[in-house]
Amino acid sequence: MPELPEVETVTRSIAPLVGRRILGAEFRCLRILRGGHPDRMARAIEGRKISGVKRYGKFILLALEGGGYLLVHLGMTGRLLLGGAPGKHTHAILTLSRGVLLYDDSRQFGCLQYSRDFPERVAKLGPEPLEVSFEDFAAALRRRKTRIKALLLNQAFLRGIGNIYADEALFRGGIHPLALASRIRGERARRLYNAISAVLTEAIAAGGSSISDYVDAEGRKGFFQFSHRVYQRTGQPCVNCGASIRRVLVAQRSSHFCPKCQTRS
């Protein structure tokens, strides 16, 4: 599933849509729509200008002139594409005053939603990892008696981090995925905070990680996957110490870590 860096890359690639008017909207798949019939949803957004494009965690929010929002969640295989011809997996077509925006999704796990008010599901998300202060981050850690990997995947704790970047940040911070969050304090908390920021910033600069179907709106792949140090490297040598990377399940998710470089305490 695209995580914060991938969604940020897509968001930046569709930023030129600001100021363009939605002349027509066609929704071809009920499964990807949330809270609306295709025709009603089309009528709600047709004729409206896009006044803003912003990422909130793993969501993309298109603000509409005069009020209202079009919410996009890419799921596992969703794509927003500027231009091109619709294909068999194209489930939404927005014809704009300049160009066209397509939503493709082969597995249909993503979603589109129109909301007159700021979407409640976005309002419930935790703080932005690249904006939260260290003091707030450390205080939140102390309150959570859960495994740190599971906590980093909790979108109410921090929004946008998923399996890839949780693994990579924990490795850089030297923290075992099974460590208790409440015990990560002082310098360890600072290392993790800095690692999260560094990993996400580097991944955004690299256009995200293209390990499945992910591309930006121009069809370009990211290349941060070539910088992964532990994610999906089970059995390979640690880039720091040479020990074999291991895999463990945390909250039903695979977690990749170095048994020597990452500690529980």
Protein backbone atom coordinates (compact mmCIF):
# COMPACT_ATOMS: atom_id res chain seq x y z
CA MET A 1 0.00 0.00 0.00
CA PRO A 2 1.37 3.46 -0.83
CA GLU A 3 2.58 5.18 2.33
CA LEU A 4 3.34 8.78 3.19
CA PRO A 5 6.26 9.30 0.74
CA GLU A 6 4.39 7.73 -2.18
CA VAL A 7 1.18 9.64 -1.48
CA GLU A 8 3.14 12.87 -1.04
CA THR A 9 4.82 12.28 -4.41
CA VAL A 10 1.45 11.71 -6.11
CA THR A 11 0.03 14.80 -4.38
CA ARG A 12 2.86 16.95 -5.66
CA SER A 13 2.48 15.54 -9.17
CA ILE A 14 -1.19 16.61 -9.33
CA ALA A 15 -0.61 20.03 -7.75
CA PRO A 16 -1.00 21.69 -11.21
CA LEU A 17 -4.71 20.79 -11.04
CA VAL A 18 -5.31 23.73 -8.69
CA GLY A 19 -7.37 26.31 -10.55
CA ARG A 20 -8.76 23.86 -13.11
CA ARG A 21 -12.49 23.28 -13.35
CA ILE A 22 -14.11 19.84 -13.31
CA LEU A 23 -16.19 19.84 -16.48
CA GLY A 24 -17.35 16.25 -16.20
CA ALA A 25 -17.10 13.32 -13.81
CA GLU A 26 -17.70 9.64 -14.55
CA PHE A 27 -17.60 6.97 -11.86
CA ARG A 28 -17.64 3.43 -13.17
CA CYS A 29 -17.34 1.30 -10.03
CA LEU A 30 -19.59 1.42 -6.96
CA ARG A 31 -17.08 -0.53 -4.89
CA ILE A 32 -14.58 2.35 -4.74
CA LEU A 33 -17.16 5.00 -3.83
CA ARG A 34 -17.93 5.88 -0.23
CA GLY A 35 -21.23 7.40 0.77
CA GLY A 36 -22.63 8.32 -2.59
CA HIS A 37 -24.25 7.15 -5.81
CA PRO A 38 -22.12 7.74 -8.94
CA ASP A 39 -24.58 10.22 -10.46
CA ARG A 40 -25.04 12.19 -7.24
CA MET A 41 -21.31 12.31 -6.69
CA ALA A 42 -20.74 13.52 -10.24
CA ARG A 43 -23.34 16.28 -9.86
CA ALA A 44 -21.75 17.38 -6.59
CA ILE A 45 -18.36 18.09 -8.15
CA GLU A 46 -19.10 18.99 -11.78
CA GLY A 47 -18.61 22.65 -12.59
CA ARG A 48 -16.44 23.19 -9.50
CA LYS A 49 -12.88 24.49 -9.52
CA ILE A 50 -10.16 22.64 -7.64
CA SER A 51 -8.91 25.15 -5.08
CA GLY A 52 -6.37 23.01 -3.26
CA VAL A 53 -4.57 19.66 -3.30
CA LYS A 54 -3.10 18.36 -0.04
CA ARG A 55 -2.00 15.11 1.54
CA TYR A 56 -3.22 14.03 4.98
CA GLY A 57 -1.42 10.84 5.98
CA LYS A 58 -2.20 8.35 3.22
CA PHE A 59 -5.16 10.39 1.94
CA ILE A 60 -5.23 12.98 -0.83
CA LEU A 61 -7.75 15.77 -0.42
CA LEU A 62 -8.92 17.91 -3.31
CA ALA A 63 -10.61 21.03 -1.94
CA LEU A 64 -13.31 22.50 -4.18
CA GLU A 65 -14.09 26.16 -4.67
CA GLY A 66 -17.18 27.15 -2.71
CA GLY A 67 -16.75 24.30 -0.24
CA GLY A 68 -16.60 20.55 -0.37
CA TYR A 69 -13.85 17.97 -0.74
CA LEU A 70 -13.01 15.01 -2.93
CA LEU A 71 -11.13 12.47 -0.84
CA VAL A 72 -8.86 9.89 -2.48
CA HIS A 73 -7.30 6.84 -0.85
CA LEU A 74 -5.13 4.78 -3.17
CA GLY A 75 -5.45 1.50 -1.27
CA MET A 76 -3.00 -1.12 -2.52
CA THR A 77 -3.07 -0.58 -6.28
CA GLY A 78 -4.83 2.73 -6.83
CA ARG A 79 -3.31 5.27 -9.24
CA LEU A 80 -4.11 8.85 -10.10
CA LEU A 81 -2.95 9.52 -13.65
CA LEU A 82 -2.83 12.77 -15.57
CA GLY A 83 -3.86 12.19 -19.17
CA GLY A 84 -3.76 8.96 -21.12
CA ALA A 85 -6.57 6.73 -22.29
CA PRO A 86 -8.94 4.98 -19.85
CA GLY A 87 -8.32 1.24 -19.50
CA LYS A 88 -10.15 -1.75 -18.05
CA HIS A 89 -9.11 -0.79 -14.51
CA THR A 90 -10.10 2.88 -14.85
CA HIS A 91 -12.91 3.48 -12.35
CA ALA A 92 -13.16 7.28 -12.38
CA ILE A 93 -12.62 9.92 -15.06
CA LEU A 94 -12.52 13.63 -14.29
CA THR A 95 -12.57 15.77 -17.41
CA LEU A 96 -10.98 19.10 -16.55
CA SER A 97 -10.81 22.51 -18.17
CA ARG A 98 -7.31 21.42 -19.13
CA GLY A 99 -6.62 17.72 -19.35
CA VAL A 100 -8.11 14.69 -17.65
CA LEU A 101 -7.50 12.91 -14.34
CA LEU A 102 -7.97 9.14 -14.22
CA TYR A 103 -8.32 6.87 -11.21
CA ASP A 104 -7.12 3.32 -11.92
CA ASP A 105 -7.29 0.49 -9.40
CA SER A 106 -6.84 -3.13 -10.46
CA ARG A 107 -7.78 -4.60 -7.06
CA GLN A 108 -10.36 -1.96 -6.09
CA PHE A 109 -9.13 -1.54 -2.51
CA GLY A 110 -8.87 2.25 -2.80
CA CYS A 111 -11.74 4.68 -2.47
CA LEU A 112 -13.14 8.03 -3.56
CA GLN A 113 -15.48 10.06 -1.39
CA TYR A 114 -17.18 13.43 -1.73
CA SER A 115 -17.82 15.36 1.47
CA ARG A 116 -19.39 18.77 1.96
CA ASP A 117 -17.47 19.22 5.21
CA PHE A 118 -13.90 18.33 6.11
CA PRO A 119 -13.92 14.50 6.09
CA GLU A 120 -14.31 12.98 9.53
CA ARG A 121 -12.01 10.06 8.72
CA VAL A 122 -9.21 12.54 8.01
CA ALA A 123 -9.94 14.67 11.09
CA LYS A 124 -9.46 11.57 13.28
CA LEU A 125 -5.91 10.96 12.08
CA GLY A 126 -2.91 11.55 14.31
CA PRO A 127 -0.33 14.29 13.77
CA GLU A 128 1.85 14.63 10.68
CA PRO A 129 5.19 12.82 11.32
CA LEU A 130 7.18 15.58 9.63
CA GLU A 131 5.50 18.30 11.70
CA VAL A 132 5.01 16.84 15.19
CA SER A 133 7.42 18.23 17.80
CA PHE A 134 9.84 15.94 19.60
CA GLU A 135 8.24 16.84 22.95
CA ASP A 136 4.78 15.76 21.78
CA PHE A 137 6.19 12.62 20.14
CA ALA A 138 8.10 11.58 23.27
CA ALA A 139 5.11 12.25 25.53
CA ALA A 140 2.87 10.14 23.30
CA LEU A 141 5.37 7.27 23.41
CA ARG A 142 5.39 7.28 27.22
CA ARG A 143 1.59 6.87 27.29
CA ARG A 144 1.51 3.78 25.07
CA LYS A 145 2.13 0.33 26.53
CA THR A 146 2.24 -1.45 23.19
CA ARG A 147 4.87 -2.74 20.79
CA ILE A 148 6.54 0.11 18.96
CA LYS A 149 6.05 -1.36 15.49
CA ALA A 150 2.32 -1.74 16.08
CA LEU A 151 2.16 1.82 17.40
CA LEU A 152 3.91 3.29 14.36
CA LEU A 153 1.32 1.59 12.14
CA ASN A 154 -1.51 3.14 14.18
CA GLN A 155 -2.76 6.08 12.10
CA ALA A 156 -4.21 7.72 15.22
CA PHE A 157 -0.67 7.93 16.63
CA LEU A 158 1.07 9.31 13.55
CA ARG A 159 -0.57 9.57 10.15
CA GLY A 160 0.97 8.13 7.01
CA ILE A 161 3.57 5.63 8.26
CA GLY A 162 3.16 2.07 7.04
CA ASN A 163 5.14 -1.14 7.05
CA ILE A 164 8.06 -0.02 4.88
CA TYR A 165 8.95 3.16 6.69
CA ALA A 166 8.25 1.83 10.18
CA ASP A 167 10.79 -0.94 9.56
CA GLU A 168 13.33 1.45 8.07
CA ALA A 169 12.96 4.04 10.84
CA LEU A 170 13.22 1.45 13.61
CA PHE A 171 16.41 0.11 12.06
CA ARG A 172 17.99 3.55 11.85
CA GLY A 173 16.91 4.27 15.40
CA GLY A 174 18.39 0.98 16.65
CA ILE A 175 15.06 -0.11 18.16
CA HIS A 176 13.61 -3.62 17.99
CA PRO A 177 10.06 -3.76 16.54
CA LEU A 178 8.86 -5.63 19.66
CA ALA A 179 10.18 -3.01 22.10
CA LEU A 180 7.54 -1.46 24.35
CA ALA A 181 6.78 2.10 23.28
CA SER A 182 6.45 3.36 26.88
CA ARG A 183 10.05 2.34 27.58
CA ILE A 184 11.52 4.28 24.67
CA ARG A 185 12.65 7.44 26.36
CA GLY A 186 15.39 10.03 26.35
CA GLU A 187 18.05 9.55 23.71
CA ARG A 188 16.36 6.44 22.29
CA ALA A 189 13.18 8.43 21.67
CA ARG A 190 15.23 11.21 20.07
CA ARG A 191 16.97 8.70 17.77
CA LEU A 192 13.65 7.27 16.66
CA TYR A 193 12.14 10.71 16.12
CA ASN A 194 15.11 11.76 13.97
CA ALA A 195 15.08 8.45 12.09
CA ILE A 196 11.41 8.80 11.16
CA SER A 197 12.01 12.29 9.82
CA ALA A 198 15.14 11.30 7.91
CA VAL A 199 13.63 8.18 6.30
CA LEU A 200 10.46 9.95 5.20
CA THR A 201 12.33 12.98 3.88
CA GLU A 202 14.78 10.84 1.90
CA ALA A 203 11.99 8.68 0.51
CA ILE A 204 10.00 11.71 -0.65
CA ALA A 205 13.11 13.08 -2.37
CA ALA A 206 13.49 9.70 -4.14
CA GLY A 207 9.87 9.67 -5.29
CA GLY A 208 8.85 6.90 -2.90
CA SER A 209 9.36 3.13 -3.12
CA SER A 210 8.12 1.33 -6.23
CA ILE A 211 7.92 -2.27 -5.05
CA SER A 212 4.53 -3.06 -6.62
CA ASP A 213 2.29 -1.00 -8.90
CA TYR A 214 3.10 2.42 -7.51
CA VAL A 215 3.80 5.31 -9.90
CA ASP A 216 3.12 9.03 -9.64
CA ALA A 217 0.52 10.87 -11.74
CA GLU A 218 2.97 11.14 -14.63
CA GLY A 219 3.61 7.39 -14.59
CA ARG A 220 7.07 7.72 -13.03
CA LYS A 221 8.38 5.13 -10.57
CA GLY A 222 10.15 5.97 -7.34
CA PHE A 223 13.56 4.56 -6.46
CA PHE A 224 13.82 4.60 -2.65
CA GLN A 225 13.43 0.81 -2.74
CA PHE A 226 17.12 0.68 -3.64
CA SER A 227 17.88 2.35 -0.29
CA HIS A 228 15.91 -0.08 1.90
CA ARG A 229 18.18 -1.39 4.66
CA VAL A 230 15.89 -4.02 6.24
CA TYR A 231 12.46 -4.06 4.58
CA GLN A 232 11.95 -7.37 2.71
CA ARG A 233 15.65 -8.24 3.15
CA THR A 234 15.11 -11.35 5.31
CA GLY A 235 18.26 -13.49 5.37
CA GLN A 236 20.43 -10.86 3.75
CA PRO A 237 23.37 -9.31 5.63
CA CYS A 238 22.81 -6.16 7.69
CA VAL A 239 24.40 -3.16 5.99
CA ASN A 240 25.89 -2.14 9.36
CA CYS A 241 27.10 -5.32 11.06
CA GLY A 242 26.66 -8.18 8.61
CA ALA A 243 24.20 -10.16 10.75
CA SER A 244 21.30 -11.78 8.89
CA ILE A 245 18.15 -9.68 8.71
CA ARG A 246 15.26 -11.43 10.44
CA ARG A 247 11.49 -11.28 10.11
CA VAL A 248 8.87 -11.37 12.86
CA LEU A 249 5.13 -10.77 12.90
CA VAL A 250 3.90 -7.73 14.82
CA ALA A 251 0.18 -6.92 14.72
CA GLN A 252 -0.19 -9.44 11.87
CA ARG A 253 2.37 -7.54 9.79
CA SER A 254 5.82 -8.69 8.74
CA SER A 255 8.56 -6.74 10.48
CA HIS A 256 12.15 -6.85 9.27
CA PHE A 257 15.01 -6.06 11.63
CA CYS A 258 18.65 -6.68 12.52
CA PRO A 259 18.96 -8.79 15.73
CA LYS A 260 22.29 -7.13 16.61
CA CYS A 261 21.69 -3.49 15.73
CA GLN A 262 18.17 -3.22 17.14
CA THR A 263 17.49 -3.73 20.82
CA ARG A 264 14.37 -3.97 22.98
CA SER A 265 15.79 -1.81 25.76
